Each structure stands twice: as C-alpha cells, then as structure tokens.
Amino acid sequence: MLVAGAVAGGGLTVIANAPNPAGVALLRRGFNDESIGAGGLLVGALAPTAVACVACLLL
C-alpha cells in the first residue's frame, strides 16, 4: 500500500528531492498566501491515497 500510494501521489510531488514546477503552479492557488505547506499537502493527499490503495486492493 505504501508503494501504491507513493506512485499515485508522485505526479504532483512538490516537496521532495526534485520539486515539480507544474505541480507547484497548480497547487499554489489553493493555499493561504499562495505558499504551499507540508501539512496542507498531507491533508489533501489522504483521500486520493486511500482511493488508490483501495483500487490496488480490489484489482
């Protein structure tokens, strides 16, 4: 499940070894002061990661 969640969430990686400028541009508008915080990313990633995990378990 950990790998499935990492693969599913990897497309919009903004806080990692190689930040994704396109992901930052898309996400910036959804945060206060247009600054991206790790806590907000964590909360926003919980539901999509859960969906990806459930999908991997069902397939």
Protein backbone atom coordinates (compact mmCIF):
# COMPACT_ATOMS: atom_id res chain seq x y z
CA MET A 1 0.00 0.00 0.00
CA LEU A 2 2.84 2.33 0.73
CA VAL A 3 4.30 1.92 -2.76
CA ALA A 4 0.86 2.24 -4.39
CA GLY A 5 0.24 5.50 -2.52
CA ALA A 6 3.66 6.83 -3.41
CA VAL A 7 3.18 6.02 -7.09
CA ALA A 8 -0.33 7.51 -7.17
CA GLY A 9 0.77 10.72 -5.44
CA GLY A 10 4.09 11.09 -7.23
CA GLY A 11 2.72 13.11 -10.14
CA LEU A 12 2.29 16.26 -8.09
CA THR A 13 5.38 15.96 -5.92
CA VAL A 14 6.32 19.42 -4.75
CA ILE A 15 8.27 18.73 -1.54
CA ALA A 16 10.81 16.06 -2.46
CA ASN A 17 14.24 15.66 -3.97
CA ALA A 18 13.12 17.12 -7.30
CA PRO A 19 10.15 19.51 -6.91
CA ASN A 20 7.70 19.62 -9.80
CA PRO A 21 7.19 23.22 -11.01
CA ALA A 22 3.92 22.31 -12.74
CA GLY A 23 2.57 20.82 -9.53
CA VAL A 24 3.56 23.92 -7.59
CA ALA A 25 1.83 26.16 -10.15
CA LEU A 26 -1.38 24.11 -9.90
CA LEU A 27 -1.43 23.83 -6.11
CA ARG A 28 -0.25 27.30 -5.11
CA ARG A 29 -3.68 28.92 -5.56
CA GLY A 30 -5.26 26.54 -3.03
CA PHE A 31 -3.15 27.67 -0.08
CA ASN A 32 -3.19 30.78 2.11
CA ASP A 33 -0.77 33.45 0.90
CA GLU A 34 -0.08 31.19 -2.10
CA SER A 35 2.60 29.34 -0.14
CA ILE A 36 2.50 25.55 -0.09
CA GLY A 37 2.77 23.91 3.32
CA ALA A 38 3.56 20.27 4.08
CA GLY A 39 0.59 19.96 6.45
CA GLY A 40 -1.88 21.09 3.85
CA LEU A 41 -0.38 18.71 1.32
CA LEU A 42 -0.69 15.84 3.77
CA VAL A 43 -4.36 16.56 4.46
CA GLY A 44 -5.09 16.98 0.76
CA ALA A 45 -3.31 13.75 -0.15
CA LEU A 46 -5.10 11.49 2.34
CA ALA A 47 -8.29 10.90 0.32
CA PRO A 48 -6.61 10.27 -3.08
CA THR A 49 -4.09 7.94 -1.44
CA ALA A 50 -6.90 5.99 0.24
CA VAL A 51 -8.72 5.67 -3.09
CA ALA A 52 -5.52 4.43 -4.78
CA CYS A 53 -4.94 1.89 -2.02
CA VAL A 54 -8.50 0.57 -2.23
CA ALA A 55 -8.25 0.33 -6.01
CA CYS A 56 -4.99 -1.62 -5.76
CA LEU A 57 -6.52 -4.00 -3.23
CA LEU A 58 -9.55 -4.65 -5.42
CA LEU A 59 -7.52 -5.29 -8.55
